[in-house]
Amino acid sequence: MKKATLISAFLMISATVLVISCGKDKPVTSESSEVLTTTDGQIYAVDTLNSKAEWKGFKVVKSDNTSHIGTLKFESGEVTVKDNKLESGQFVIDMTSIKNDDLTDSESNGKLIGHLKSADFFDTEKFPTASFEITKISEAPAGGDYNTILEGNLTLKGITKPETFNANVKLKDGELSIATEPKDINRDEFGIVFQMPAAEGLIKNEINVQMKVKAIEKK
């Protein structure tokens, strides 16, 4: 009887350790929705020379003195327009093009970019691109600063998560422009968990992102 009791206690302790361990090491997983696709309409190709994504990163004290800003280039992308309305869109960002705009010292700038490209952050050697694929397009409420709500799958560092952007979408003379509202993206959700020592200033989990896209109608 005593032996059975000891075995039962051991099994209970083992199960508890297993549950705690599994919770602590829970992996980051992808989530996605069905992408909008249509061939019924006019196809517009992203003008990669005149499109960009702007980023801003902060330390815990969120101010201009504790932040870095920069840009990323678009590698490719296409949108479909029907009856002068955006119907679908897919965009690919070149993560190797990441650039910093606030550090004027070339050595400091180079060190920052090297670190951002490393496995601590975006691991651009392994994941050279990121993407955003539209899954739903809706009209924004009247009277606001933006006319469109874009829901989609954001893929970063090989992990896909749903994200929603408020945006202004404009179409004129064969050119479509999309300018999203600056939005905080939680880097932890994409497996970017590097943190500075507290004495050097903790980095916020949020990366602020804004996309500015121009697309030209294919003839």
C-alpha atoms as a PDB file:
ATOM      1  CA  MET A   1       0.000   0.000   0.000  1.00  0.00           C
ATOM      2  CA  LYS A   2       2.815   2.359   0.925  1.00  0.00           C
ATOM      3  CA  LYS A   3       4.626   1.518  -2.343  1.00  0.00           C
ATOM      4  CA  ALA A   4       1.497   2.267  -4.406  1.00  0.00           C
ATOM      5  CA  THR A   5       1.109   5.620  -2.644  1.00  0.00           C
ATOM      6  CA  LEU A   6       4.717   6.595  -3.437  1.00  0.00           C
ATOM      7  CA  ILE A   7       4.274   5.647  -7.101  1.00  0.00           C
ATOM      8  CA  SER A   8       1.080   7.712  -7.334  1.00  0.00           C
ATOM      9  CA  ALA A   9       2.812  10.721  -5.777  1.00  0.00           C
ATOM     10  CA  PHE A  10       5.725  10.404  -8.214  1.00  0.00           C
ATOM     11  CA  LEU A  11       3.360  10.277 -11.187  1.00  0.00           C
ATOM     12  CA  MET A  12       1.499  13.370  -9.988  1.00  0.00           C
ATOM     13  CA  ILE A  13       4.738  15.332  -9.572  1.00  0.00           C
ATOM     14  CA  SER A  14       5.950  14.235 -13.029  1.00  0.00           C
ATOM     15  CA  ALA A  15       2.666  15.299 -14.630  1.00  0.00           C
ATOM     16  CA  THR A  16       2.847  18.698 -12.937  1.00  0.00           C
ATOM     17  CA  VAL A  17       6.417  19.285 -14.163  1.00  0.00           C
ATOM     18  CA  LEU A  18       5.364  18.276 -17.694  1.00  0.00           C
ATOM     19  CA  VAL A  19       2.447  20.733 -17.740  1.00  0.00           C
ATOM     20  CA  ILE A  20       4.625  23.590 -16.447  1.00  0.00           C
ATOM     21  CA  SER A  21       7.379  22.810 -18.975  1.00  0.00           C
ATOM     22  CA  CYS A  22       4.940  22.690 -21.892  1.00  0.00           C
ATOM     23  CA  GLY A  23       3.445  26.046 -20.901  1.00  0.00           C
ATOM     24  CA  LYS A  24       6.847  27.689 -20.615  1.00  0.00           C
ATOM     25  CA  ASP A  25       8.134  26.443 -23.965  1.00  0.00           C
ATOM     26  CA  LYS A  26       4.948  27.028 -25.969  1.00  0.00           C
ATOM     27  CA  PRO A  27       6.039  27.652 -29.581  1.00  0.00           C
ATOM     28  CA  VAL A  28       4.918  30.551 -31.740  1.00  0.00           C
ATOM     29  CA  THR A  29       2.448  29.270 -34.320  1.00  0.00           C
ATOM     30  CA  SER A  30       1.011  30.704 -37.529  1.00  0.00           C
ATOM     31  CA  GLU A  31      -2.595  31.747 -38.087  1.00  0.00           C
ATOM     32  CA  SER A  32      -4.108  32.755 -41.417  1.00  0.00           C
ATOM     33  CA  SER A  33      -7.374  33.459 -43.225  1.00  0.00           C
ATOM     34  CA  GLU A  34      -8.348  32.749 -46.823  1.00  0.00           C
ATOM     35  CA  VAL A  35      -6.717  35.207 -49.207  1.00  0.00           C
ATOM     36  CA  LEU A  36      -8.879  37.260 -51.560  1.00  0.00           C
ATOM     37  CA  THR A  37      -8.116  36.295 -55.157  1.00  0.00           C
ATOM     38  CA  THR A  38      -9.834  37.450 -58.322  1.00  0.00           C
ATOM     39  CA  THR A  39      -9.007  37.682 -62.013  1.00  0.00           C
ATOM     40  CA  ASP A  40     -12.096  39.756 -62.766  1.00  0.00           C
ATOM     41  CA  GLY A  41     -10.831  43.335 -63.026  1.00  0.00           C
ATOM     42  CA  GLN A  42      -7.773  45.406 -63.847  1.00  0.00           C
ATOM     43  CA  ILE A  43      -4.400  44.262 -62.542  1.00  0.00           C
ATOM     44  CA  TYR A  44      -2.082  46.856 -61.038  1.00  0.00           C
ATOM     45  CA  ALA A  45       1.601  46.115 -60.360  1.00  0.00           C
ATOM     46  CA  VAL A  46       3.338  47.654 -57.365  1.00  0.00           C
ATOM     47  CA  ASP A  47       5.787  50.386 -58.356  1.00  0.00           C
ATOM     48  CA  THR A  48       8.697  49.145 -56.246  1.00  0.00           C
ATOM     49  CA  LEU A  49      10.772  52.285 -56.826  1.00  0.00           C
ATOM     50  CA  ASN A  50       8.081  54.536 -55.356  1.00  0.00           C
ATOM     51  CA  SER A  51       6.669  52.281 -52.637  1.00  0.00           C
ATOM     52  CA  LYS A  52       8.019  51.671 -49.145  1.00  0.00           C
ATOM     53  CA  ALA A  53       7.236  50.484 -45.662  1.00  0.00           C
ATOM     54  CA  GLU A  54       8.278  52.781 -42.835  1.00  0.00           C
ATOM     55  CA  TRP A  55       9.210  51.340 -39.442  1.00  0.00           C
ATOM     56  CA  LYS A  56       9.854  52.751 -36.001  1.00  0.00           C
ATOM     57  CA  GLY A  57      11.213  50.929 -32.955  1.00  0.00           C
ATOM     58  CA  PHE A  58      11.256  52.203 -29.370  1.00  0.00           C
ATOM     59  CA  LYS A  59      12.826  51.526 -26.047  1.00  0.00           C
ATOM     60  CA  VAL A  60      10.466  51.292 -23.075  1.00  0.00           C
ATOM     61  CA  VAL A  61      10.497  55.060 -22.599  1.00  0.00           C
ATOM     62  CA  LYS A  62       8.713  55.927 -25.848  1.00  0.00           C
ATOM     63  CA  SER A  63      10.229  59.160 -27.141  1.00  0.00           C
ATOM     64  CA  ASP A  64      12.143  60.381 -30.166  1.00  0.00           C
ATOM     65  CA  ASN A  65      15.369  60.190 -28.151  1.00  0.00           C
ATOM     66  CA  THR A  66      14.941  56.461 -27.525  1.00  0.00           C
ATOM     67  CA  SER A  67      13.734  55.368 -30.947  1.00  0.00           C
ATOM     68  CA  HIS A  68      15.044  54.345 -34.367  1.00  0.00           C
ATOM     69  CA  ILE A  69      13.268  54.918 -37.657  1.00  0.00           C
ATOM     70  CA  GLY A  70      13.816  53.559 -41.138  1.00  0.00           C
ATOM     71  CA  THR A  71      12.366  52.066 -44.303  1.00  0.00           C
ATOM     72  CA  LEU A  72      11.993  48.822 -46.236  1.00  0.00           C
ATOM     73  CA  LYS A  73      11.556  48.358 -49.979  1.00  0.00           C
ATOM     74  CA  PHE A  74       8.856  46.333 -51.695  1.00  0.00           C
ATOM     75  CA  GLU A  75      10.144  43.455 -53.794  1.00  0.00           C
ATOM     76  CA  SER A  76       6.897  42.902 -55.709  1.00  0.00           C
ATOM     77  CA  GLY A  77       3.136  43.029 -55.469  1.00  0.00           C
ATOM     78  CA  GLU A  78      -0.138  43.111 -57.373  1.00  0.00           C
ATOM     79  CA  VAL A  79      -3.621  44.433 -56.704  1.00  0.00           C
ATOM     80  CA  THR A  80      -6.877  43.942 -58.562  1.00  0.00           C
ATOM     81  CA  VAL A  81      -9.331  46.792 -59.166  1.00  0.00           C
ATOM     82  CA  LYS A  82     -12.934  46.428 -60.361  1.00  0.00           C
ATOM     83  CA  ASP A  83     -15.422  49.249 -60.879  1.00  0.00           C
ATOM     84  CA  ASN A  84     -12.838  51.658 -59.439  1.00  0.00           C
ATOM     85  CA  LYS A  85     -12.654  49.702 -56.170  1.00  0.00           C
ATOM     86  CA  LEU A  86      -9.837  47.666 -54.678  1.00  0.00           C
ATOM     87  CA  GLU A  87     -10.746  43.947 -54.834  1.00  0.00           C
ATOM     88  CA  SER A  88      -7.598  42.096 -53.731  1.00  0.00           C
ATOM     89  CA  GLY A  89      -3.882  42.528 -53.168  1.00  0.00           C
ATOM     90  CA  GLN A  90      -0.658  40.759 -52.291  1.00  0.00           C
ATOM     91  CA  PHE A  91       2.610  42.483 -51.364  1.00  0.00           C
ATOM     92  CA  VAL A  92       6.156  41.207 -50.815  1.00  0.00           C
ATOM     93  CA  ILE A  93       8.671  43.236 -48.784  1.00  0.00           C
ATOM     94  CA  ASP A  94      12.430  42.875 -49.225  1.00  0.00           C
ATOM     95  CA  MET A  95      13.692  42.489 -45.642  1.00  0.00           C
ATOM     96  CA  THR A  96      17.318  42.676 -46.795  1.00  0.00           C
ATOM     97  CA  SER A  97      16.654  46.278 -47.839  1.00  0.00           C
ATOM     98  CA  ILE A  98      16.089  47.446 -44.245  1.00  0.00           C
ATOM     99  CA  LYS A  99      17.491  50.929 -43.742  1.00  0.00           C
ATOM    100  CA  ASN A 100      17.943  53.251 -40.762  1.00  0.00           C
ATOM    101  CA  ASP A 101      17.290  56.975 -41.191  1.00  0.00           C
ATOM    102  CA  ASP A 102      18.142  58.512 -37.811  1.00  0.00           C
ATOM    103  CA  LEU A 103      21.759  57.469 -37.123  1.00  0.00           C
ATOM    104  CA  THR A 104      24.112  59.772 -39.018  1.00  0.00           C
ATOM    105  CA  ASP A 105      27.300  58.054 -37.862  1.00  0.00           C
ATOM    106  CA  SER A 106      28.062  55.390 -40.476  1.00  0.00           C
ATOM    107  CA  GLU A 107      29.619  52.958 -37.987  1.00  0.00           C
ATOM    108  CA  SER A 108      26.654  53.124 -35.578  1.00  0.00           C
ATOM    109  CA  ASN A 109      24.234  52.877 -38.485  1.00  0.00           C
ATOM    110  CA  GLY A 110      26.009  49.826 -39.877  1.00  0.00           C
ATOM    111  CA  LYS A 111      26.049  48.080 -36.496  1.00  0.00           C
ATOM    112  CA  LEU A 112      22.321  48.638 -36.033  1.00  0.00           C
ATOM    113  CA  ILE A 113      21.451  47.350 -39.510  1.00  0.00           C
ATOM    114  CA  GLY A 114      23.722  44.338 -39.033  1.00  0.00           C
ATOM    115  CA  HIS A 115      21.986  43.529 -35.759  1.00  0.00           C
ATOM    116  CA  LEU A 116      18.500  43.944 -37.263  1.00  0.00           C
ATOM    117  CA  LYS A 117      19.429  41.566 -40.088  1.00  0.00           C
ATOM    118  CA  SER A 118      20.810  38.972 -37.640  1.00  0.00           C
ATOM    119  CA  ALA A 119      18.949  36.060 -36.063  1.00  0.00           C
ATOM    120  CA  ASP A 120      18.295  38.244 -32.991  1.00  0.00           C
ATOM    121  CA  PHE A 121      15.753  40.154 -35.040  1.00  0.00           C
ATOM    122  CA  PHE A 122      14.654  39.509 -38.645  1.00  0.00           C
ATOM    123  CA  ASP A 123      17.216  36.842 -39.672  1.00  0.00           C
ATOM    124  CA  THR A 124      17.206  38.109 -43.258  1.00  0.00           C
ATOM    125  CA  GLU A 125      19.599  35.435 -44.496  1.00  0.00           C
ATOM    126  CA  LYS A 126      17.017  32.780 -43.658  1.00  0.00           C
ATOM    127  CA  PHE A 127      13.905  34.939 -44.183  1.00  0.00           C
ATOM    128  CA  PRO A 128      14.740  37.499 -46.904  1.00  0.00           C
ATOM    129  CA  THR A 129      11.131  38.547 -47.478  1.00  0.00           C
ATOM    130  CA  ALA A 130       7.955  39.378 -45.563  1.00  0.00           C
ATOM    131  CA  SER A 131       4.474  39.583 -47.066  1.00  0.00           C
ATOM    132  CA  PHE A 132       0.963  40.925 -46.598  1.00  0.00           C
ATOM    133  CA  GLU A 133      -1.979  39.255 -48.362  1.00  0.00           C
ATOM    134  CA  ILE A 134      -5.415  40.869 -48.198  1.00  0.00           C
ATOM    135  CA  THR A 135      -8.223  38.644 -46.914  1.00  0.00           C
ATOM    136  CA  LYS A 136     -11.002  41.229 -46.551  1.00  0.00           C
ATOM    137  CA  ILE A 137     -11.652  44.788 -47.718  1.00  0.00           C
ATOM    138  CA  SER A 138     -14.321  46.975 -46.106  1.00  0.00           C
ATOM    139  CA  GLU A 139     -15.333  50.584 -46.212  1.00  0.00           C
ATOM    140  CA  ALA A 140     -14.266  52.554 -43.151  1.00  0.00           C
ATOM    141  CA  PRO A 141     -16.883  54.481 -41.149  1.00  0.00           C
ATOM    142  CA  ALA A 142     -17.643  57.900 -42.607  1.00  0.00           C
ATOM    143  CA  GLY A 143     -16.007  60.947 -41.051  1.00  0.00           C
ATOM    144  CA  GLY A 144     -12.719  59.272 -40.115  1.00  0.00           C
ATOM    145  CA  ASP A 145      -9.196  59.864 -41.401  1.00  0.00           C
ATOM    146  CA  TYR A 146      -9.179  56.668 -43.485  1.00  0.00           C
ATOM    147  CA  ASN A 147     -11.586  55.368 -46.132  1.00  0.00           C
ATOM    148  CA  THR A 148     -10.761  51.639 -46.117  1.00  0.00           C
ATOM    149  CA  ILE A 149     -10.123  48.782 -43.679  1.00  0.00           C
ATOM    150  CA  LEU A 150      -7.707  46.114 -44.903  1.00  0.00           C
ATOM    151  CA  GLU A 151      -7.624  42.754 -43.154  1.00  0.00           C
ATOM    152  CA  GLY A 152      -4.954  40.273 -44.140  1.00  0.00           C
ATOM    153  CA  ASN A 153      -2.249  37.736 -43.394  1.00  0.00           C
ATOM    154  CA  LEU A 154       1.061  39.271 -42.363  1.00  0.00           C
ATOM    155  CA  THR A 155       4.018  36.885 -42.688  1.00  0.00           C
ATOM    156  CA  LEU A 156       7.226  37.863 -40.927  1.00  0.00           C
ATOM    157  CA  LYS A 157      10.176  35.630 -40.142  1.00  0.00           C
ATOM    158  CA  GLY A 158       8.226  32.648 -41.485  1.00  0.00           C
ATOM    159  CA  ILE A 159       5.253  33.165 -39.131  1.00  0.00           C
ATOM    160  CA  THR A 160       1.823  34.260 -40.367  1.00  0.00           C
ATOM    161  CA  LYS A 161      -0.638  36.227 -38.238  1.00  0.00           C
ATOM    162  CA  PRO A 162      -3.828  38.171 -39.036  1.00  0.00           C
ATOM    163  CA  GLU A 163      -3.430  41.957 -38.991  1.00  0.00           C
ATOM    164  CA  THR A 164      -5.830  44.804 -39.773  1.00  0.00           C
ATOM    165  CA  PHE A 165      -4.809  48.184 -41.170  1.00  0.00           C
ATOM    166  CA  ASN A 166      -6.817  51.360 -41.594  1.00  0.00           C
ATOM    167  CA  ALA A 167      -5.875  52.820 -44.968  1.00  0.00           C
ATOM    168  CA  ASN A 168      -6.541  55.504 -47.518  1.00  0.00           C
ATOM    169  CA  VAL A 169      -7.003  53.968 -50.956  1.00  0.00           C
ATOM    170  CA  LYS A 170      -7.065  56.309 -53.945  1.00  0.00           C
ATOM    171  CA  LEU A 171      -7.377  55.604 -57.669  1.00  0.00           C
ATOM    172  CA  LYS A 172      -6.606  58.205 -60.324  1.00  0.00           C
ATOM    173  CA  ASP A 173      -5.324  58.182 -63.915  1.00  0.00           C
ATOM    174  CA  GLY A 174      -4.224  54.531 -63.918  1.00  0.00           C
ATOM    175  CA  GLU A 175      -2.428  54.797 -60.572  1.00  0.00           C
ATOM    176  CA  LEU A 176      -3.575  53.330 -57.274  1.00  0.00           C
ATOM    177  CA  SER A 177      -2.166  54.440 -53.941  1.00  0.00           C
ATOM    178  CA  ILE A 178      -2.515  52.802 -50.538  1.00  0.00           C
ATOM    179  CA  ALA A 179      -1.334  54.578 -47.391  1.00  0.00           C
ATOM    180  CA  THR A 180      -1.950  52.715 -44.144  1.00  0.00           C
ATOM    181  CA  GLU A 181      -2.293  54.211 -40.703  1.00  0.00           C
ATOM    182  CA  PRO A 182       0.864  53.722 -38.599  1.00  0.00           C
ATOM    183  CA  LYS A 183       0.234  50.553 -36.574  1.00  0.00           C
ATOM    184  CA  ASP A 184       2.051  48.761 -33.764  1.00  0.00           C
ATOM    185  CA  ILE A 185       2.958  45.144 -34.541  1.00  0.00           C
ATOM    186  CA  ASN A 186       3.840  42.864 -31.618  1.00  0.00           C
ATOM    187  CA  ARG A 187       7.229  41.370 -32.547  1.00  0.00           C
ATOM    188  CA  ASP A 188       6.894  38.606 -29.939  1.00  0.00           C
ATOM    189  CA  GLU A 189       4.073  37.094 -32.015  1.00  0.00           C
ATOM    190  CA  PHE A 190       6.542  36.626 -34.870  1.00  0.00           C
ATOM    191  CA  GLY A 191       9.284  35.018 -32.812  1.00  0.00           C
ATOM    192  CA  ILE A 192      11.389  38.190 -32.427  1.00  0.00           C
ATOM    193  CA  VAL A 193      12.103  38.026 -28.726  1.00  0.00           C
ATOM    194  CA  PHE A 194      15.582  39.591 -28.369  1.00  0.00           C
ATOM    195  CA  GLN A 195      15.884  41.962 -25.427  1.00  0.00           C
ATOM    196  CA  MET A 196      18.619  44.373 -24.333  1.00  0.00           C
ATOM    197  CA  PRO A 197      19.995  44.291 -20.775  1.00  0.00           C
ATOM    198  CA  ALA A 198      17.859  46.498 -18.527  1.00  0.00           C
ATOM    199  CA  ALA A 199      20.800  48.829 -17.889  1.00  0.00           C
ATOM    200  CA  GLU A 200      20.978  49.630 -21.619  1.00  0.00           C
ATOM    201  CA  GLY A 201      17.255  50.277 -21.960  1.00  0.00           C
ATOM    202  CA  LEU A 202      14.635  47.626 -22.634  1.00  0.00           C
ATOM    203  CA  ILE A 203      13.232  47.444 -26.172  1.00  0.00           C
ATOM    204  CA  LYS A 204       9.456  47.629 -26.543  1.00  0.00           C
ATOM    205  CA  ASN A 205       7.726  44.621 -28.038  1.00  0.00           C
ATOM    206  CA  GLU A 206       5.890  46.828 -30.537  1.00  0.00           C
ATOM    207  CA  ILE A 207       7.297  47.799 -33.931  1.00  0.00           C
ATOM    208  CA  ASN A 208       5.385  50.640 -35.569  1.00  0.00           C
ATOM    209  CA  VAL A 209       4.768  50.016 -39.281  1.00  0.00           C
ATOM    210  CA  GLN A 210       3.241  52.120 -42.058  1.00  0.00           C
ATOM    211  CA  MET A 211       2.927  51.025 -45.704  1.00  0.00           C
ATOM    212  CA  LYS A 212       2.940  53.500 -48.572  1.00  0.00           C
ATOM    213  CA  VAL A 213       2.201  51.735 -51.844  1.00  0.00           C
ATOM    214  CA  LYS A 214       1.859  52.960 -55.405  1.00  0.00           C
ATOM    215  CA  ALA A 215       0.665  50.581 -58.110  1.00  0.00           C
ATOM    216  CA  ILE A 216       0.440  51.130 -61.866  1.00  0.00           C
ATOM    217  CA  GLU A 217      -2.197  49.574 -64.131  1.00  0.00           C
ATOM    218  CA  LYS A 218      -0.838  46.829 -66.345  1.00  0.00           C
ATOM    219  CA  LYS A 219      -1.463  47.487 -70.014  1.00  0.00           C
END
